[in-house]
Amino acid sequence: MNLRDMKKGATAHALAEAAFELALEHGLNGFVVEDVVQRAGYSRRTFANYYSCKEEAVAMVAEPFHGVEEAIDLLKHTPATSTPLDTLHQFMKLRLTAEYFRKIHKLISLAKSNPTLLPYILIVHYKQQAGAQAVLNRLYHDRYSAEYNRLLTSALTGAIMPMFDGSMNVRFPGQPEEEATGAITLDEYMDQVFGYLRNGF
């Protein structure tokens, strides 16, 4: 990423954060785009350059902005003997922070009461999957096919969705045990997921 890309990413992130905060405070129907741009400190025209509507902006909070430098460093130090699965495992450890989990849980809760959010959340989900696949294709094009990487990223994203939507009882980092009675830890769940992916179901 060059400086221009990073500035664009920061603007998109600021607008998404503002929209998300307003949705939590007032509900999805309790604010308009003008409220978003005022809170974020941008113009209505700038908003239109990034998002088609407030629902899209709210959903984009699921796209992490921070951690780009760490991800680049991870790619630079990926051993030659690593596999696509090894790389995905490391990426997941970087991405799945306590703050990210809290946002995703709140976003899913919003979507349950506001179905108009769902298509935009699915778009973010697809973009993340496609981005992971593109990285794997570049890193491992000489050893693994694009079809393999597509199936792998699809399996992984499918495996983590139940953790986000609450259908799997997983306690995220920093969450008190009393808030997730009987839950397994994130590390335990991810070990299970990657164990299945490595060894087959």
N, C-alpha and C. Protein backbone atom coordinates (compact mmCIF):
# COMPACT_ATOMS: atom_id res chain seq x y z
N MET A 1 0.84 -1.19 0.00
CA MET A 1 0.00 0.00 0.00
C MET A 1 0.87 1.25 0.00
N ASN A 2 0.56 2.20 -0.92
CA ASN A 2 1.27 3.46 -0.89
C ASN A 2 0.52 4.44 0.02
N LEU A 3 1.08 5.66 0.14
CA LEU A 3 0.49 6.64 1.06
C LEU A 3 -0.93 7.00 0.66
N ARG A 4 -1.18 7.11 -0.63
CA ARG A 4 -2.51 7.47 -1.12
C ARG A 4 -3.52 6.39 -0.74
N ASP A 5 -3.13 5.13 -0.92
CA ASP A 5 -4.03 4.02 -0.56
C ASP A 5 -4.32 4.03 0.94
N MET A 6 -3.30 4.32 1.74
CA MET A 6 -3.48 4.33 3.19
C MET A 6 -4.42 5.46 3.62
N LYS A 7 -4.31 6.63 2.96
CA LYS A 7 -5.20 7.75 3.27
C LYS A 7 -6.64 7.40 2.89
N LYS A 8 -6.82 6.76 1.74
CA LYS A 8 -8.16 6.36 1.31
C LYS A 8 -8.74 5.34 2.29
N GLY A 9 -7.89 4.42 2.72
CA GLY A 9 -8.34 3.42 3.69
C GLY A 9 -8.74 4.06 5.00
N ALA A 10 -7.98 5.08 5.43
CA ALA A 10 -8.29 5.76 6.68
C ALA A 10 -9.61 6.52 6.59
N THR A 11 -9.88 7.13 5.44
CA THR A 11 -11.14 7.85 5.24
C THR A 11 -12.32 6.89 5.26
N ALA A 12 -12.20 5.79 4.52
CA ALA A 12 -13.27 4.80 4.49
C ALA A 12 -13.53 4.24 5.88
N HIS A 13 -12.46 4.00 6.63
CA HIS A 13 -12.59 3.46 7.97
C HIS A 13 -13.27 4.45 8.91
N ALA A 14 -12.91 5.72 8.82
CA ALA A 14 -13.51 6.74 9.68
C ALA A 14 -15.01 6.87 9.41
N LEU A 15 -15.40 6.82 8.15
CA LEU A 15 -16.83 6.90 7.81
C LEU A 15 -17.58 5.67 8.30
N ALA A 16 -16.95 4.50 8.15
CA ALA A 16 -17.60 3.26 8.61
C ALA A 16 -17.75 3.26 10.12
N GLU A 17 -16.72 3.69 10.82
CA GLU A 17 -16.78 3.75 12.29
C GLU A 17 -17.88 4.70 12.75
N ALA A 18 -17.98 5.86 12.11
CA ALA A 18 -19.01 6.83 12.48
C ALA A 18 -20.40 6.26 12.25
N ALA A 19 -20.60 5.61 11.11
CA ALA A 19 -21.91 5.02 10.81
C ALA A 19 -22.25 3.91 11.80
N PHE A 20 -21.26 3.10 12.13
CA PHE A 20 -21.46 1.99 13.07
C PHE A 20 -21.83 2.51 14.46
N GLU A 21 -21.11 3.52 14.92
CA GLU A 21 -21.39 4.10 16.24
C GLU A 21 -22.81 4.68 16.29
N LEU A 22 -23.20 5.36 15.22
CA LEU A 22 -24.55 5.94 15.17
C LEU A 22 -25.62 4.85 15.16
N ALA A 23 -25.34 3.76 14.46
CA ALA A 23 -26.29 2.64 14.42
C ALA A 23 -26.46 2.03 15.81
N LEU A 24 -25.36 1.93 16.56
CA LEU A 24 -25.44 1.39 17.91
C LEU A 24 -26.19 2.34 18.85
N GLU A 25 -25.98 3.62 18.66
CA GLU A 25 -26.58 4.62 19.55
C GLU A 25 -28.07 4.85 19.26
N HIS A 26 -28.42 4.88 17.96
CA HIS A 26 -29.78 5.31 17.58
C HIS A 26 -30.57 4.26 16.80
N GLY A 27 -29.95 3.12 16.50
CA GLY A 27 -30.60 2.15 15.63
C GLY A 27 -30.37 2.52 14.18
N LEU A 28 -30.51 1.58 13.29
CA LEU A 28 -30.21 1.82 11.89
C LEU A 28 -31.12 2.89 11.27
N ASN A 29 -32.33 2.97 11.76
CA ASN A 29 -33.29 3.94 11.21
C ASN A 29 -33.27 5.28 11.95
N GLY A 30 -32.38 5.42 12.91
CA GLY A 30 -32.37 6.62 13.73
C GLY A 30 -31.37 7.67 13.32
N PHE A 31 -30.75 7.52 12.16
CA PHE A 31 -29.80 8.53 11.68
C PHE A 31 -29.77 8.51 10.15
N VAL A 32 -29.17 9.55 9.58
CA VAL A 32 -29.06 9.66 8.13
C VAL A 32 -27.59 9.89 7.76
N VAL A 33 -27.32 9.87 6.46
CA VAL A 33 -25.93 10.02 5.99
C VAL A 33 -25.33 11.33 6.46
N GLU A 34 -26.13 12.38 6.51
CA GLU A 34 -25.63 13.69 6.98
C GLU A 34 -25.06 13.59 8.39
N ASP A 35 -25.68 12.77 9.23
CA ASP A 35 -25.17 12.57 10.59
C ASP A 35 -23.81 11.88 10.56
N VAL A 36 -23.64 10.95 9.63
CA VAL A 36 -22.38 10.20 9.51
C VAL A 36 -21.25 11.15 9.13
N VAL A 37 -21.47 11.97 8.11
CA VAL A 37 -20.38 12.84 7.64
C VAL A 37 -20.05 13.91 8.68
N GLN A 38 -21.06 14.38 9.41
CA GLN A 38 -20.78 15.37 10.45
C GLN A 38 -19.93 14.76 11.56
N ARG A 39 -20.26 13.54 11.96
CA ARG A 39 -19.49 12.90 13.02
C ARG A 39 -18.06 12.59 12.57
N ALA A 40 -17.91 12.13 11.34
CA ALA A 40 -16.59 11.73 10.84
C ALA A 40 -15.76 12.93 10.39
N GLY A 41 -16.41 14.07 10.12
CA GLY A 41 -15.68 15.26 9.70
C GLY A 41 -15.38 15.30 8.21
N TYR A 42 -16.26 14.73 7.41
CA TYR A 42 -16.09 14.73 5.96
C TYR A 42 -17.34 15.30 5.30
N SER A 43 -17.28 15.47 3.98
CA SER A 43 -18.41 16.00 3.24
C SER A 43 -19.31 14.87 2.74
N ARG A 44 -20.52 15.24 2.35
CA ARG A 44 -21.45 14.28 1.76
C ARG A 44 -20.87 13.69 0.47
N ARG A 45 -20.17 14.52 -0.27
CA ARG A 45 -19.55 14.07 -1.53
C ARG A 45 -18.48 13.01 -1.26
N THR A 46 -17.69 13.22 -0.20
CA THR A 46 -16.68 12.22 0.15
C THR A 46 -17.34 10.90 0.50
N PHE A 47 -18.42 10.96 1.27
CA PHE A 47 -19.15 9.73 1.61
C PHE A 47 -19.57 8.99 0.36
N ALA A 48 -20.10 9.74 -0.62
CA ALA A 48 -20.59 9.12 -1.87
C ALA A 48 -19.46 8.49 -2.67
N ASN A 49 -18.23 8.96 -2.46
CA ASN A 49 -17.08 8.36 -3.16
C ASN A 49 -16.74 6.97 -2.62
N TYR A 50 -17.20 6.68 -1.41
CA TYR A 50 -16.85 5.43 -0.77
C TYR A 50 -18.03 4.47 -0.60
N TYR A 51 -19.18 5.00 -0.30
CA TYR A 51 -20.32 4.15 0.04
C TYR A 51 -21.59 4.59 -0.69
N SER A 52 -22.42 3.62 -1.01
CA SER A 52 -23.68 3.91 -1.70
C SER A 52 -24.80 4.28 -0.74
N CYS A 53 -24.68 3.89 0.52
CA CYS A 53 -25.73 4.14 1.51
C CYS A 53 -25.16 3.92 2.90
N LYS A 54 -25.94 4.29 3.91
CA LYS A 54 -25.46 4.15 5.28
C LYS A 54 -25.31 2.69 5.68
N GLU A 55 -26.16 1.79 5.13
CA GLU A 55 -26.05 0.36 5.45
C GLU A 55 -24.70 -0.20 5.02
N GLU A 56 -24.26 0.20 3.84
CA GLU A 56 -22.95 -0.28 3.37
C GLU A 56 -21.83 0.21 4.29
N ALA A 57 -21.93 1.48 4.71
CA ALA A 57 -20.91 2.03 5.60
C ALA A 57 -20.87 1.29 6.93
N VAL A 58 -22.05 1.01 7.50
CA VAL A 58 -22.11 0.28 8.77
C VAL A 58 -21.47 -1.09 8.62
N ALA A 59 -21.79 -1.81 7.55
CA ALA A 59 -21.26 -3.16 7.35
C ALA A 59 -19.75 -3.17 7.17
N MET A 60 -19.21 -2.10 6.61
CA MET A 60 -17.77 -2.07 6.34
C MET A 60 -16.92 -1.96 7.59
N VAL A 61 -17.55 -1.80 8.75
CA VAL A 61 -16.78 -1.82 10.00
C VAL A 61 -16.17 -3.21 10.21
N ALA A 62 -16.70 -4.21 9.50
CA ALA A 62 -16.16 -5.57 9.59
C ALA A 62 -14.86 -5.74 8.82
N GLU A 63 -14.48 -4.73 8.06
CA GLU A 63 -13.22 -4.77 7.31
C GLU A 63 -12.14 -4.09 8.14
N PRO A 64 -11.21 -4.86 8.73
CA PRO A 64 -10.20 -4.25 9.61
C PRO A 64 -9.31 -3.28 8.85
N PHE A 65 -9.01 -2.15 9.49
CA PHE A 65 -8.11 -1.16 8.90
C PHE A 65 -6.73 -1.26 9.52
N HIS A 66 -6.68 -1.45 10.82
CA HIS A 66 -5.39 -1.54 11.50
C HIS A 66 -4.80 -2.94 11.30
N GLY A 67 -3.48 -3.03 11.44
CA GLY A 67 -2.82 -4.32 11.30
C GLY A 67 -2.22 -4.57 9.93
N VAL A 68 -2.28 -3.56 9.05
CA VAL A 68 -1.74 -3.74 7.69
C VAL A 68 -0.24 -3.99 7.75
N GLU A 69 0.46 -3.20 8.58
CA GLU A 69 1.92 -3.35 8.67
C GLU A 69 2.29 -4.74 9.17
N GLU A 70 1.54 -5.23 10.17
CA GLU A 70 1.82 -6.56 10.71
C GLU A 70 1.61 -7.64 9.65
N ALA A 71 0.55 -7.46 8.84
CA ALA A 71 0.27 -8.44 7.79
C ALA A 71 1.37 -8.46 6.74
N ILE A 72 1.84 -7.26 6.37
CA ILE A 72 2.93 -7.18 5.39
C ILE A 72 4.18 -7.83 5.94
N ASP A 73 4.48 -7.58 7.22
CA ASP A 73 5.65 -8.19 7.85
C ASP A 73 5.52 -9.71 7.88
N LEU A 74 4.30 -10.19 8.15
CA LEU A 74 4.06 -11.63 8.16
C LEU A 74 4.37 -12.24 6.81
N LEU A 75 3.92 -11.59 5.74
CA LEU A 75 4.17 -12.11 4.39
C LEU A 75 5.66 -12.11 4.06
N LYS A 76 6.36 -11.09 4.49
CA LYS A 76 7.79 -11.00 4.21
C LYS A 76 8.57 -12.13 4.88
N HIS A 77 8.08 -12.59 6.04
CA HIS A 77 8.80 -13.60 6.81
C HIS A 77 8.15 -14.98 6.74
N THR A 78 7.32 -15.19 5.72
CA THR A 78 6.71 -16.50 5.54
C THR A 78 7.76 -17.50 5.07
N PRO A 79 7.99 -18.58 5.80
CA PRO A 79 9.01 -19.55 5.39
C PRO A 79 8.68 -20.19 4.04
N ALA A 80 9.72 -20.56 3.31
CA ALA A 80 9.53 -21.16 1.99
C ALA A 80 8.79 -22.49 2.07
N THR A 81 8.87 -23.14 3.24
CA THR A 81 8.23 -24.46 3.40
C THR A 81 6.78 -24.36 3.86
N SER A 82 6.28 -23.14 4.08
CA SER A 82 4.92 -22.98 4.59
C SER A 82 3.90 -23.36 3.53
N THR A 83 2.67 -23.60 3.97
CA THR A 83 1.56 -23.94 3.09
C THR A 83 0.52 -22.83 3.14
N PRO A 84 -0.43 -22.81 2.20
CA PRO A 84 -1.50 -21.82 2.29
C PRO A 84 -2.24 -21.88 3.62
N LEU A 85 -2.42 -23.08 4.16
CA LEU A 85 -3.12 -23.22 5.43
C LEU A 85 -2.33 -22.58 6.57
N ASP A 86 -0.99 -22.75 6.56
CA ASP A 86 -0.14 -22.12 7.57
C ASP A 86 -0.29 -20.59 7.53
N THR A 87 -0.29 -20.04 6.33
CA THR A 87 -0.39 -18.59 6.18
C THR A 87 -1.75 -18.08 6.65
N LEU A 88 -2.82 -18.79 6.29
CA LEU A 88 -4.15 -18.40 6.75
C LEU A 88 -4.25 -18.44 8.27
N HIS A 89 -3.64 -19.45 8.87
CA HIS A 89 -3.67 -19.58 10.34
C HIS A 89 -3.02 -18.36 10.98
N GLN A 90 -1.88 -17.93 10.45
CA GLN A 90 -1.19 -16.76 10.99
C GLN A 90 -2.01 -15.48 10.80
N PHE A 91 -2.63 -15.35 9.63
CA PHE A 91 -3.48 -14.19 9.38
C PHE A 91 -4.64 -14.12 10.36
N MET A 92 -5.24 -15.27 10.64
CA MET A 92 -6.38 -15.30 11.55
C MET A 92 -5.96 -14.87 12.96
N LYS A 93 -4.77 -15.26 13.38
CA LYS A 93 -4.28 -14.87 14.69
C LYS A 93 -4.10 -13.35 14.78
N LEU A 94 -3.67 -12.74 13.66
CA LEU A 94 -3.51 -11.29 13.62
C LEU A 94 -4.86 -10.58 13.67
N ARG A 95 -5.83 -11.12 12.95
CA ARG A 95 -7.10 -10.42 12.76
C ARG A 95 -8.06 -10.57 13.93
N LEU A 96 -8.11 -11.75 14.52
CA LEU A 96 -9.16 -12.03 15.50
C LEU A 96 -8.78 -11.50 16.88
N THR A 97 -8.89 -10.18 17.03
CA THR A 97 -8.61 -9.53 18.31
C THR A 97 -9.91 -9.36 19.09
N ALA A 98 -9.79 -9.02 20.36
CA ALA A 98 -10.98 -8.80 21.19
C ALA A 98 -11.83 -7.66 20.63
N GLU A 99 -11.19 -6.58 20.20
CA GLU A 99 -11.93 -5.44 19.66
C GLU A 99 -12.70 -5.84 18.40
N TYR A 100 -12.05 -6.62 17.54
CA TYR A 100 -12.70 -7.04 16.30
C TYR A 100 -13.91 -7.93 16.60
N PHE A 101 -13.76 -8.84 17.55
CA PHE A 101 -14.87 -9.71 17.94
C PHE A 101 -16.05 -8.91 18.44
N ARG A 102 -15.80 -7.93 19.28
CA ARG A 102 -16.89 -7.14 19.83
C ARG A 102 -17.66 -6.42 18.72
N LYS A 103 -16.93 -5.87 17.77
CA LYS A 103 -17.58 -5.19 16.65
C LYS A 103 -18.43 -6.16 15.84
N ILE A 104 -17.88 -7.32 15.55
CA ILE A 104 -18.61 -8.28 14.73
C ILE A 104 -19.87 -8.75 15.44
N HIS A 105 -19.76 -9.03 16.73
CA HIS A 105 -20.95 -9.46 17.49
C HIS A 105 -22.04 -8.38 17.47
N LYS A 106 -21.64 -7.13 17.64
CA LYS A 106 -22.61 -6.04 17.61
C LYS A 106 -23.20 -5.87 16.21
N LEU A 107 -22.36 -6.04 15.19
CA LEU A 107 -22.84 -5.92 13.81
C LEU A 107 -23.85 -7.02 13.49
N ILE A 108 -23.56 -8.24 13.91
CA ILE A 108 -24.49 -9.35 13.68
C ILE A 108 -25.81 -9.10 14.41
N SER A 109 -25.73 -8.57 15.63
CA SER A 109 -26.95 -8.25 16.37
C SER A 109 -27.78 -7.20 15.65
N LEU A 110 -27.10 -6.19 15.10
CA LEU A 110 -27.81 -5.17 14.33
C LEU A 110 -28.49 -5.78 13.11
N ALA A 111 -27.79 -6.70 12.45
CA ALA A 111 -28.33 -7.31 11.23
C ALA A 111 -29.56 -8.17 11.52
N LYS A 112 -29.60 -8.77 12.70
CA LYS A 112 -30.76 -9.61 13.05
C LYS A 112 -32.04 -8.79 13.15
N SER A 113 -31.90 -7.55 13.59
CA SER A 113 -33.09 -6.69 13.69
C SER A 113 -33.24 -5.76 12.49
N ASN A 114 -32.22 -5.74 11.61
CA ASN A 114 -32.26 -4.91 10.41
C ASN A 114 -31.76 -5.72 9.22
N PRO A 115 -32.63 -6.52 8.60
CA PRO A 115 -32.22 -7.42 7.52
C PRO A 115 -31.59 -6.71 6.31
N THR A 116 -31.83 -5.39 6.17
CA THR A 116 -31.23 -4.68 5.04
C THR A 116 -29.71 -4.62 5.14
N LEU A 117 -29.17 -4.91 6.33
CA LEU A 117 -27.71 -4.93 6.50
C LEU A 117 -27.08 -6.19 5.91
N LEU A 118 -27.84 -7.28 5.90
CA LEU A 118 -27.27 -8.58 5.55
C LEU A 118 -26.56 -8.62 4.20
N PRO A 119 -27.16 -8.09 3.11
CA PRO A 119 -26.44 -8.15 1.83
C PRO A 119 -25.07 -7.48 1.87
N TYR A 120 -24.97 -6.39 2.61
CA TYR A 120 -23.71 -5.66 2.68
C TYR A 120 -22.67 -6.40 3.53
N ILE A 121 -23.14 -7.08 4.58
CA ILE A 121 -22.23 -7.90 5.38
C ILE A 121 -21.70 -9.05 4.53
N LEU A 122 -22.56 -9.64 3.73
CA LEU A 122 -22.13 -10.74 2.85
C LEU A 122 -21.12 -10.25 1.81
N ILE A 123 -21.29 -9.02 1.33
CA ILE A 123 -20.33 -8.45 0.38
C ILE A 123 -18.96 -8.30 1.03
N VAL A 124 -18.93 -7.79 2.27
CA VAL A 124 -17.65 -7.66 3.00
C VAL A 124 -17.03 -9.04 3.19
N HIS A 125 -17.86 -9.99 3.57
CA HIS A 125 -17.41 -11.37 3.77
C HIS A 125 -16.78 -11.92 2.49
N TYR A 126 -17.44 -11.69 1.36
CA TYR A 126 -16.93 -12.17 0.07
C TYR A 126 -15.62 -11.47 -0.29
N LYS A 127 -15.55 -10.15 -0.05
CA LYS A 127 -14.33 -9.40 -0.38
C LYS A 127 -13.15 -9.92 0.42
N GLN A 128 -13.36 -10.24 1.69
CA GLN A 128 -12.28 -10.76 2.52
C GLN A 128 -11.82 -12.13 2.01
N GLN A 129 -12.79 -12.94 1.64
CA GLN A 129 -12.45 -14.27 1.11
C GLN A 129 -11.67 -14.15 -0.20
N ALA A 130 -12.14 -13.27 -1.09
CA ALA A 130 -11.47 -13.08 -2.38
C ALA A 130 -10.07 -12.50 -2.19
N GLY A 131 -9.93 -11.60 -1.22
CA GLY A 131 -8.62 -11.02 -0.95
C GLY A 131 -7.64 -12.06 -0.44
N ALA A 132 -8.11 -12.92 0.48
CA ALA A 132 -7.25 -13.99 0.99
C ALA A 132 -6.84 -14.93 -0.13
N GLN A 133 -7.78 -15.25 -1.00
CA GLN A 133 -7.47 -16.15 -2.11
C GLN A 133 -6.43 -15.53 -3.04
N ALA A 134 -6.56 -14.23 -3.31
CA ALA A 134 -5.60 -13.56 -4.20
C ALA A 134 -4.19 -13.59 -3.60
N VAL A 135 -4.09 -13.36 -2.29
CA VAL A 135 -2.78 -13.41 -1.63
C VAL A 135 -2.17 -14.81 -1.74
N LEU A 136 -2.98 -15.82 -1.47
CA LEU A 136 -2.48 -17.20 -1.56
C LEU A 136 -2.05 -17.55 -2.98
N ASN A 137 -2.80 -17.08 -3.96
CA ASN A 137 -2.44 -17.35 -5.35
C ASN A 137 -1.09 -16.75 -5.70
N ARG A 138 -0.83 -15.55 -5.18
CA ARG A 138 0.46 -14.90 -5.46
C ARG A 138 1.60 -15.61 -4.74
N LEU A 139 1.35 -16.02 -3.50
CA LEU A 139 2.41 -16.64 -2.70
C LEU A 139 2.74 -18.07 -3.14
N TYR A 140 1.71 -18.81 -3.57
CA TYR A 140 1.89 -20.25 -3.76
C TYR A 140 1.53 -20.72 -5.18
N HIS A 141 1.59 -19.80 -6.14
CA HIS A 141 1.17 -20.16 -7.50
C HIS A 141 1.98 -21.30 -8.10
N ASP A 142 3.22 -21.48 -7.61
CA ASP A 142 4.06 -22.54 -8.17
C ASP A 142 3.85 -23.90 -7.51
N ARG A 143 3.09 -23.92 -6.38
CA ARG A 143 2.91 -25.20 -5.67
C ARG A 143 1.45 -25.59 -5.48
N TYR A 144 0.54 -24.61 -5.46
CA TYR A 144 -0.87 -24.90 -5.22
C TYR A 144 -1.73 -24.20 -6.26
N SER A 145 -2.75 -24.87 -6.72
CA SER A 145 -3.61 -24.31 -7.76
C SER A 145 -4.56 -23.26 -7.18
N ALA A 146 -5.08 -22.42 -8.07
CA ALA A 146 -6.07 -21.43 -7.66
C ALA A 146 -7.33 -22.11 -7.13
N GLU A 147 -7.66 -23.26 -7.70
CA GLU A 147 -8.84 -24.01 -7.24
C GLU A 147 -8.67 -24.47 -5.80
N TYR A 148 -7.46 -24.93 -5.48
CA TYR A 148 -7.19 -25.36 -4.11
C TYR A 148 -7.35 -24.19 -3.15
N ASN A 149 -6.77 -23.05 -3.51
CA ASN A 149 -6.85 -21.88 -2.63
C ASN A 149 -8.28 -21.38 -2.48
N ARG A 150 -9.07 -21.48 -3.55
CA ARG A 150 -10.46 -21.07 -3.48
C ARG A 150 -11.24 -21.96 -2.51
N LEU A 151 -11.05 -23.26 -2.61
CA LEU A 151 -11.74 -24.19 -1.72
C LEU A 151 -11.30 -24.00 -0.27
N LEU A 152 -10.01 -23.76 -0.08
CA LEU A 152 -9.47 -23.59 1.26
C LEU A 152 -10.05 -22.34 1.93
N THR A 153 -10.02 -21.20 1.23
CA THR A 153 -10.55 -19.97 1.82
C THR A 153 -12.06 -20.07 2.03
N SER A 154 -12.76 -20.76 1.15
CA SER A 154 -14.21 -20.94 1.32
C SER A 154 -14.50 -21.77 2.56
N ALA A 155 -13.72 -22.84 2.75
CA ALA A 155 -13.92 -23.70 3.93
C ALA A 155 -13.63 -22.93 5.22
N LEU A 156 -12.58 -22.12 5.21
CA LEU A 156 -12.22 -21.39 6.43
C LEU A 156 -13.26 -20.32 6.76
N THR A 157 -13.68 -19.54 5.77
CA THR A 157 -14.65 -18.50 6.06
C THR A 157 -15.98 -19.11 6.50
N GLY A 158 -16.33 -20.25 5.93
CA GLY A 158 -17.54 -20.95 6.38
C GLY A 158 -17.43 -21.44 7.80
N ALA A 159 -16.22 -21.84 8.20
CA ALA A 159 -16.00 -22.37 9.55
C ALA A 159 -16.03 -21.29 10.62
N ILE A 160 -15.65 -20.06 10.27
CA ILE A 160 -15.60 -19.02 11.30
C ILE A 160 -16.91 -18.26 11.44
N MET A 161 -17.80 -18.34 10.44
CA MET A 161 -19.07 -17.61 10.53
C MET A 161 -19.91 -18.01 11.75
N PRO A 162 -20.01 -19.32 12.10
CA PRO A 162 -20.80 -19.67 13.28
C PRO A 162 -20.26 -19.06 14.57
N MET A 163 -18.97 -18.77 14.59
CA MET A 163 -18.37 -18.13 15.75
C MET A 163 -18.84 -16.67 15.83
N PHE A 164 -18.98 -16.01 14.68
CA PHE A 164 -19.40 -14.62 14.66
C PHE A 164 -20.90 -14.46 14.92
N ASP A 165 -21.70 -15.38 14.36
CA ASP A 165 -23.15 -15.19 14.51
C ASP A 165 -23.69 -15.76 15.82
N GLY A 166 -22.80 -16.37 16.62
CA GLY A 166 -23.20 -16.84 17.93
C GLY A 166 -23.74 -18.25 17.98
N SER A 167 -23.78 -18.95 16.83
CA SER A 167 -24.29 -20.32 16.84
C SER A 167 -23.26 -21.31 17.40
N MET A 168 -21.99 -20.88 17.47
CA MET A 168 -20.96 -21.64 18.18
C MET A 168 -20.58 -20.84 19.42
N ASN A 169 -20.53 -21.50 20.56
CA ASN A 169 -20.27 -20.82 21.83
C ASN A 169 -18.75 -20.67 22.04
N VAL A 170 -18.23 -19.54 21.58
CA VAL A 170 -16.79 -19.28 21.64
C VAL A 170 -16.55 -18.02 22.46
N ARG A 171 -15.62 -18.09 23.39
CA ARG A 171 -15.27 -16.93 24.21
C ARG A 171 -14.09 -16.20 23.57
N PHE A 172 -14.31 -14.94 23.21
CA PHE A 172 -13.25 -14.21 22.53
C PHE A 172 -12.26 -13.62 23.52
N PRO A 173 -11.07 -13.22 23.07
CA PRO A 173 -10.03 -12.72 23.98
C PRO A 173 -10.52 -11.54 24.82
N GLY A 174 -10.26 -11.61 26.11
CA GLY A 174 -10.63 -10.53 27.01
C GLY A 174 -12.06 -10.60 27.53
N GLN A 175 -12.86 -11.52 27.02
CA GLN A 175 -14.24 -11.64 27.47
C GLN A 175 -14.29 -12.43 28.77
N PRO A 176 -14.97 -11.90 29.80
CA PRO A 176 -15.07 -12.62 31.08
C PRO A 176 -15.76 -13.97 30.91
N GLU A 177 -15.34 -14.96 31.68
CA GLU A 177 -15.91 -16.29 31.58
C GLU A 177 -17.41 -16.29 31.87
N GLU A 178 -17.85 -15.44 32.79
CA GLU A 178 -19.27 -15.44 33.15
C GLU A 178 -20.17 -14.95 32.01
N GLU A 179 -19.58 -14.26 31.02
CA GLU A 179 -20.35 -13.81 29.87
C GLU A 179 -20.51 -14.91 28.82
N ALA A 180 -19.75 -15.95 28.94
CA ALA A 180 -19.80 -17.03 27.94
C ALA A 180 -19.72 -18.38 28.64
N THR A 181 -20.75 -18.68 29.41
CA THR A 181 -20.78 -19.91 30.19
C THR A 181 -20.70 -21.13 29.27
N GLY A 182 -19.76 -22.03 29.59
CA GLY A 182 -19.63 -23.26 28.82
C GLY A 182 -18.94 -23.10 27.48
N ALA A 183 -18.45 -21.90 27.19
CA ALA A 183 -17.82 -21.65 25.88
C ALA A 183 -16.39 -22.19 25.85
N ILE A 184 -15.95 -22.53 24.65
CA ILE A 184 -14.54 -22.86 24.47
C ILE A 184 -13.81 -21.58 24.10
N THR A 185 -12.51 -21.55 24.34
CA THR A 185 -11.75 -20.34 24.03
C THR A 185 -11.54 -20.23 22.53
N LEU A 186 -11.19 -19.03 22.09
CA LEU A 186 -10.91 -18.81 20.68
C LEU A 186 -9.79 -19.72 20.19
N ASP A 187 -8.72 -19.82 20.99
CA ASP A 187 -7.59 -20.66 20.58
C ASP A 187 -8.02 -22.12 20.41
N GLU A 188 -8.87 -22.60 21.33
CA GLU A 188 -9.35 -23.98 21.22
C GLU A 188 -10.18 -24.17 19.95
N TYR A 189 -11.04 -23.20 19.68
CA TYR A 189 -11.89 -23.31 18.48
C TYR A 189 -11.05 -23.28 17.22
N MET A 190 -10.10 -22.33 17.14
CA MET A 190 -9.27 -22.24 15.94
C MET A 190 -8.39 -23.47 15.77
N ASP A 191 -7.92 -24.06 16.88
CA ASP A 191 -7.16 -25.31 16.78
C ASP A 191 -8.03 -26.42 16.20
N GLN A 192 -9.30 -26.45 16.60
CA GLN A 192 -10.22 -27.45 16.05
C GLN A 192 -10.42 -27.23 14.56
N VAL A 193 -10.68 -25.98 14.18
CA VAL A 193 -10.94 -25.66 12.77
C VAL A 193 -9.75 -26.05 11.90
N PHE A 194 -8.55 -25.62 12.30
CA PHE A 194 -7.39 -25.90 11.48
C PHE A 194 -6.98 -27.37 11.56
N GLY A 195 -7.31 -28.02 12.67
CA GLY A 195 -7.07 -29.46 12.75
C GLY A 195 -7.92 -30.21 11.74
N TYR A 196 -9.19 -29.84 11.63
CA TYR A 196 -10.07 -30.46 10.64
C TYR A 196 -9.59 -30.16 9.22
N LEU A 197 -9.18 -28.92 8.98
CA LEU A 197 -8.73 -28.55 7.63
C LEU A 197 -7.46 -29.30 7.25
N ARG A 198 -6.59 -29.54 8.23
CA ARG A 198 -5.35 -30.26 7.93
C ARG A 198 -5.59 -31.77 7.75
N ASN A 199 -6.46 -32.31 8.55
CA ASN A 199 -6.61 -33.77 8.58
C ASN A 199 -7.85 -34.32 7.92
N GLY A 200 -8.75 -33.43 7.56
CA GLY A 200 -10.00 -33.89 6.95
C GLY A 200 -11.06 -34.11 8.01
N PHE A 201 -12.32 -34.00 7.62
CA PHE A 201 -13.44 -34.14 8.57
C PHE A 201 -13.76 -35.63 8.77
